[in-house]
N, C-alpha and C. Protein backbone atom coordinates (compact mmCIF):
# COMPACT_ATOMS: atom_id res chain seq x y z
N MET A 1 1.46 25.28 2.66
CA MET A 1 2.50 24.74 1.79
C MET A 1 2.14 25.14 0.33
N GLU A 2 3.09 25.21 -0.50
CA GLU A 2 2.82 25.23 -1.92
C GLU A 2 2.48 24.16 -2.50
N TYR A 3 1.79 24.14 -3.62
CA TYR A 3 1.34 22.84 -4.34
C TYR A 3 2.51 22.04 -4.95
N GLU A 4 3.52 22.72 -5.53
CA GLU A 4 4.88 22.14 -5.87
C GLU A 4 5.66 21.38 -4.73
N GLU A 5 5.61 22.09 -3.50
CA GLU A 5 6.16 21.34 -2.32
C GLU A 5 5.47 20.06 -1.83
N ILE A 6 4.17 20.18 -1.95
CA ILE A 6 3.21 18.99 -1.62
C ILE A 6 3.51 17.85 -2.55
N ASN A 7 3.53 18.34 -3.75
CA ASN A 7 3.95 17.20 -4.86
C ASN A 7 5.20 16.59 -4.75
N GLU A 8 6.21 17.40 -4.57
CA GLU A 8 7.65 16.97 -4.37
C GLU A 8 7.56 16.01 -3.24
N ILE A 9 6.87 16.25 -2.11
CA ILE A 9 6.80 15.32 -0.97
C ILE A 9 6.24 14.13 -1.27
N ARG A 10 5.08 14.09 -2.09
CA ARG A 10 4.40 13.05 -2.38
C ARG A 10 5.28 12.10 -3.46
N GLU A 11 5.95 12.66 -4.28
CA GLU A 11 6.83 11.98 -5.10
C GLU A 11 7.97 11.32 -4.29
N GLN A 12 8.67 11.94 -3.33
CA GLN A 12 9.66 11.29 -2.58
C GLN A 12 9.03 10.28 -1.84
N LEU A 13 7.98 10.49 -1.16
CA LEU A 13 7.37 9.32 -0.45
C LEU A 13 7.11 8.18 -1.36
N ALA A 14 6.51 8.31 -2.49
CA ALA A 14 6.24 7.34 -3.46
C ALA A 14 7.39 6.61 -3.74
N ALA A 15 8.49 7.25 -4.09
CA ALA A 15 9.82 6.46 -4.30
C ALA A 15 10.29 5.67 -3.32
N MET A 16 10.19 6.12 -2.07
CA MET A 16 10.74 5.42 -0.83
C MET A 16 9.89 4.19 -0.80
N ILE A 17 8.45 4.49 -0.93
CA ILE A 17 7.55 3.27 -0.70
C ILE A 17 7.91 2.32 -1.87
N GLU A 18 8.00 2.74 -3.03
CA GLU A 18 8.34 1.86 -4.22
C GLU A 18 9.39 1.10 -4.06
N GLU A 19 10.47 1.63 -3.39
CA GLU A 19 11.68 1.00 -3.00
C GLU A 19 11.84 -0.05 -2.04
N ALA A 20 10.87 0.21 -1.11
CA ALA A 20 10.64 -0.83 0.17
C ALA A 20 10.06 -2.03 -0.35
N LEU A 21 8.90 -1.77 -1.15
CA LEU A 21 7.90 -2.91 -1.61
C LEU A 21 8.92 -3.80 -2.80
N GLN A 22 9.82 -3.14 -3.37
CA GLN A 22 10.58 -4.13 -4.23
C GLN A 22 11.13 -5.29 -3.76
N VAL A 23 11.45 -5.20 -2.28
CA VAL A 23 11.92 -6.46 -1.67
C VAL A 23 11.13 -7.66 -1.79
N TYR A 24 9.65 -7.46 -1.95
CA TYR A 24 8.51 -8.37 -1.98
C TYR A 24 8.74 -9.16 -3.52
N LYS A 25 8.96 -8.21 -4.54
CA LYS A 25 9.00 -8.69 -5.83
C LYS A 25 10.38 -9.44 -6.12
N SER A 26 11.50 -8.98 -5.59
CA SER A 26 12.67 -9.53 -5.68
C SER A 26 12.82 -10.78 -4.98
N GLN A 27 12.25 -10.99 -3.90
CA GLN A 27 12.45 -12.28 -3.09
C GLN A 27 11.06 -13.08 -3.34
N GLN A 28 10.21 -12.58 -4.15
CA GLN A 28 8.98 -13.46 -4.67
C GLN A 28 8.35 -13.87 -3.30
N LYS A 29 8.30 -12.68 -2.58
CA LYS A 29 7.40 -12.99 -1.09
C LYS A 29 6.06 -12.50 -1.52
N PRO A 30 4.91 -13.11 -0.84
CA PRO A 30 3.57 -12.66 -0.91
C PRO A 30 3.53 -11.28 -0.23
N LEU A 31 2.69 -10.13 -0.82
CA LEU A 31 2.72 -8.78 -0.18
C LEU A 31 1.24 -8.96 0.37
N ASN A 32 1.12 -8.85 1.69
CA ASN A 32 -0.09 -8.51 2.31
C ASN A 32 -0.30 -6.93 2.42
N LEU A 33 -1.12 -6.58 1.50
CA LEU A 33 -1.25 -5.09 1.50
C LEU A 33 -1.83 -4.38 2.79
N ALA A 34 -2.81 -5.08 3.46
CA ALA A 34 -3.42 -4.55 4.72
C ALA A 34 -2.21 -4.60 5.82
N SER A 35 -1.33 -5.44 5.78
CA SER A 35 -0.34 -5.39 6.80
C SER A 35 0.76 -4.54 6.58
N VAL A 36 1.13 -4.23 5.37
CA VAL A 36 2.19 -3.35 4.91
C VAL A 36 1.53 -1.95 5.28
N MET A 37 0.35 -1.81 4.92
CA MET A 37 -0.30 -0.38 4.90
C MET A 37 -0.57 -0.08 6.41
N ARG A 38 -0.88 -1.08 7.33
CA ARG A 38 -1.07 -0.65 8.80
C ARG A 38 0.24 -0.28 9.26
N ASP A 39 1.47 -0.92 8.74
CA ASP A 39 2.85 -0.65 9.36
C ASP A 39 2.99 0.92 8.97
N TYR A 40 2.74 1.20 7.62
CA TYR A 40 3.28 2.35 7.13
C TYR A 40 2.27 3.49 7.92
N LEU A 41 0.86 3.31 8.13
CA LEU A 41 0.20 4.31 8.61
C LEU A 41 0.45 4.44 10.04
N ALA A 42 0.92 3.71 10.78
CA ALA A 42 1.26 3.70 12.31
C ALA A 42 2.41 4.86 12.32
N GLN A 43 3.31 5.08 11.36
CA GLN A 43 4.23 5.91 11.26
C GLN A 43 3.78 7.49 11.22
N TYR A 44 2.60 7.73 10.63
CA TYR A 44 2.41 9.09 10.23
C TYR A 44 1.05 9.45 10.93
N PRO A 45 0.75 10.83 11.08
CA PRO A 45 -0.24 11.26 11.61
C PRO A 45 -1.55 10.91 10.97
N ARG A 46 -2.60 10.82 11.55
CA ARG A 46 -4.04 10.56 11.10
C ARG A 46 -4.44 11.32 9.91
N ALA A 47 -4.14 12.56 9.88
CA ALA A 47 -4.64 13.41 8.78
C ALA A 47 -3.78 13.06 7.48
N ARG A 48 -2.81 12.27 7.58
CA ARG A 48 -2.04 11.69 6.33
C ARG A 48 -2.49 10.29 5.84
N HIS A 49 -3.31 9.81 6.68
CA HIS A 49 -3.32 8.18 6.26
C HIS A 49 -4.05 8.02 4.89
N PHE A 50 -5.11 9.00 4.57
CA PHE A 50 -5.72 8.68 3.28
C PHE A 50 -4.63 8.81 1.91
N ASP A 51 -3.90 9.96 2.12
CA ASP A 51 -2.96 10.21 1.01
C ASP A 51 -1.83 8.97 0.95
N LEU A 52 -1.46 8.77 2.11
CA LEU A 52 -0.41 7.62 2.36
C LEU A 52 -0.86 6.33 1.82
N ALA A 53 -2.16 6.12 2.15
CA ALA A 53 -2.68 4.55 1.76
C ALA A 53 -2.96 4.66 0.24
N ARG A 54 -3.37 5.71 -0.41
CA ARG A 54 -3.41 5.78 -1.83
C ARG A 54 -2.01 5.38 -2.46
N ILE A 55 -0.91 6.10 -1.85
CA ILE A 55 0.34 5.91 -2.37
C ILE A 55 0.83 4.51 -2.27
N VAL A 56 0.59 3.99 -1.08
CA VAL A 56 1.01 2.51 -0.91
C VAL A 56 0.22 1.50 -1.87
N VAL A 57 -1.06 1.83 -2.10
CA VAL A 57 -1.79 0.88 -3.12
C VAL A 57 -1.17 1.17 -4.49
N ASP A 58 -1.13 2.38 -4.94
CA ASP A 58 -0.55 2.67 -6.26
C ASP A 58 0.89 1.99 -6.54
N GLN A 59 1.61 1.94 -5.53
CA GLN A 59 2.96 1.27 -5.70
C GLN A 59 2.90 -0.35 -5.74
N ALA A 60 1.97 -0.68 -4.74
CA ALA A 60 1.92 -2.11 -4.77
C ALA A 60 1.43 -2.77 -5.94
N VAL A 61 0.28 -2.02 -6.64
CA VAL A 61 -0.39 -2.78 -7.81
C VAL A 61 0.56 -2.65 -8.88
N ARG A 62 1.58 -1.94 -8.87
CA ARG A 62 2.72 -1.96 -9.82
C ARG A 62 3.44 -2.95 -9.97
N LEU A 63 3.65 -3.60 -8.80
CA LEU A 63 4.50 -4.80 -8.61
C LEU A 63 3.79 -6.13 -9.08
N GLY A 64 2.66 -6.40 -8.98
CA GLY A 64 2.03 -7.76 -9.46
C GLY A 64 0.48 -7.69 -9.09
N VAL A 65 -0.12 -8.90 -9.34
CA VAL A 65 -1.45 -8.98 -8.95
C VAL A 65 -1.40 -10.32 -7.90
N ALA A 66 -2.81 -10.23 -7.49
CA ALA A 66 -3.15 -11.46 -6.61
C ALA A 66 -3.88 -12.54 -7.45
N GLU A 67 -3.29 -13.62 -7.39
CA GLU A 67 -4.18 -14.83 -7.94
C GLU A 67 -5.51 -14.96 -7.70
N ALA A 68 -5.78 -14.62 -6.21
CA ALA A 68 -7.24 -14.75 -5.85
C ALA A 68 -8.01 -13.68 -6.80
N ASP A 69 -7.43 -12.52 -7.16
CA ASP A 69 -8.07 -11.63 -7.91
C ASP A 69 -8.57 -12.21 -9.09
N LEU A 70 -7.61 -12.73 -9.80
CA LEU A 70 -7.86 -13.45 -11.14
C LEU A 70 -8.77 -14.45 -11.07
N ALA A 71 -8.88 -15.28 -9.86
CA ALA A 71 -9.91 -16.42 -9.74
C ALA A 71 -11.29 -15.86 -9.44
N GLY A 72 -11.38 -14.59 -9.20
CA GLY A 72 -12.72 -13.82 -8.79
C GLY A 72 -13.14 -14.11 -7.31
N LEU A 73 -12.23 -14.48 -6.48
CA LEU A 73 -12.57 -15.03 -5.14
C LEU A 73 -12.70 -13.81 -4.23
N PRO A 74 -13.84 -13.83 -3.33
CA PRO A 74 -14.14 -12.77 -2.59
C PRO A 74 -13.08 -12.51 -1.42
N VAL A 75 -12.97 -11.29 -0.97
CA VAL A 75 -11.91 -10.74 0.08
C VAL A 75 -12.60 -10.18 1.21
N GLU A 76 -11.93 -10.41 2.37
CA GLU A 76 -12.44 -9.86 3.69
C GLU A 76 -11.86 -8.57 3.79
N TRP A 77 -12.58 -7.47 4.50
CA TRP A 77 -12.18 -6.31 4.77
C TRP A 77 -11.25 -6.33 6.06
N GLN A 78 -10.08 -5.79 6.00
CA GLN A 78 -9.21 -5.80 7.14
C GLN A 78 -8.93 -4.44 7.56
N ALA A 79 -8.69 -4.20 8.97
CA ALA A 79 -8.48 -3.06 9.45
C ALA A 79 -7.10 -2.46 9.16
N ILE A 80 -6.75 -1.27 8.85
CA ILE A 80 -5.34 -0.41 8.56
C ILE A 80 -5.08 0.46 9.42
N ASN A 81 -5.92 0.84 10.53
CA ASN A 81 -5.49 1.84 11.41
C ASN A 81 -6.44 1.57 12.60
N ASP A 82 -6.11 2.39 13.73
CA ASP A 82 -6.90 2.20 14.92
C ASP A 82 -8.11 3.15 15.04
N TYR A 83 -8.48 3.73 13.72
CA TYR A 83 -9.55 4.76 13.52
C TYR A 83 -10.83 4.14 12.82
N GLY A 84 -10.65 2.90 12.29
CA GLY A 84 -11.75 2.39 11.57
C GLY A 84 -11.59 2.11 10.12
N ALA A 85 -10.42 2.75 9.70
CA ALA A 85 -10.06 2.62 8.40
C ALA A 85 -9.73 0.96 7.98
N LYS A 86 -10.18 0.56 6.85
CA LYS A 86 -10.25 -0.73 6.33
C LYS A 86 -9.95 -0.93 4.81
N VAL A 87 -9.23 -1.93 4.55
CA VAL A 87 -8.86 -2.15 3.05
C VAL A 87 -9.68 -3.61 2.62
N GLN A 88 -9.78 -3.55 1.55
CA GLN A 88 -10.35 -5.05 0.95
C GLN A 88 -9.27 -5.36 -0.26
N ALA A 89 -8.25 -6.28 0.17
CA ALA A 89 -7.39 -6.50 -0.83
C ALA A 89 -6.73 -8.03 -0.61
N HIS A 90 -6.61 -8.58 -1.62
CA HIS A 90 -6.00 -9.92 -1.85
C HIS A 90 -4.34 -9.66 -1.50
N VAL A 91 -3.78 -10.96 -1.13
CA VAL A 91 -2.36 -10.73 -1.01
C VAL A 91 -1.69 -10.93 -2.49
N ILE A 92 -0.77 -9.92 -2.84
CA ILE A 92 -0.28 -9.86 -4.01
C ILE A 92 0.77 -11.12 -3.97
N ASP A 93 0.81 -11.93 -5.02
CA ASP A 93 1.54 -13.07 -4.98
C ASP A 93 1.97 -13.53 -6.37
N LYS A 94 1.77 -12.79 -7.50
CA LYS A 94 2.11 -13.04 -8.81
C LYS A 94 2.92 -11.66 -9.33
N TYR A 95 4.05 -11.94 -9.44
CA TYR A 95 4.94 -10.66 -10.08
C TYR A 95 5.33 -10.86 -11.48
């Protein structure tokens, strides 16, 4: 695949994820990044998990922050796929 094609696909995917995550902000619902990421990764082959996880995180942090981050509270590692990948993130609850 050409670099331009890959970049275009990445941009389309980012736009789709951004749109899907907007529901959390508009409804002021807490966004559990590990849960959302687990759902997204289940839809894609393992080879795409790293890139997809980066896109999900990039889009999620644009929406808001976690109060627990601001308070400096520790966070647990949570599994995001069946291959041992984990994420360490508080629930985004401040938009």
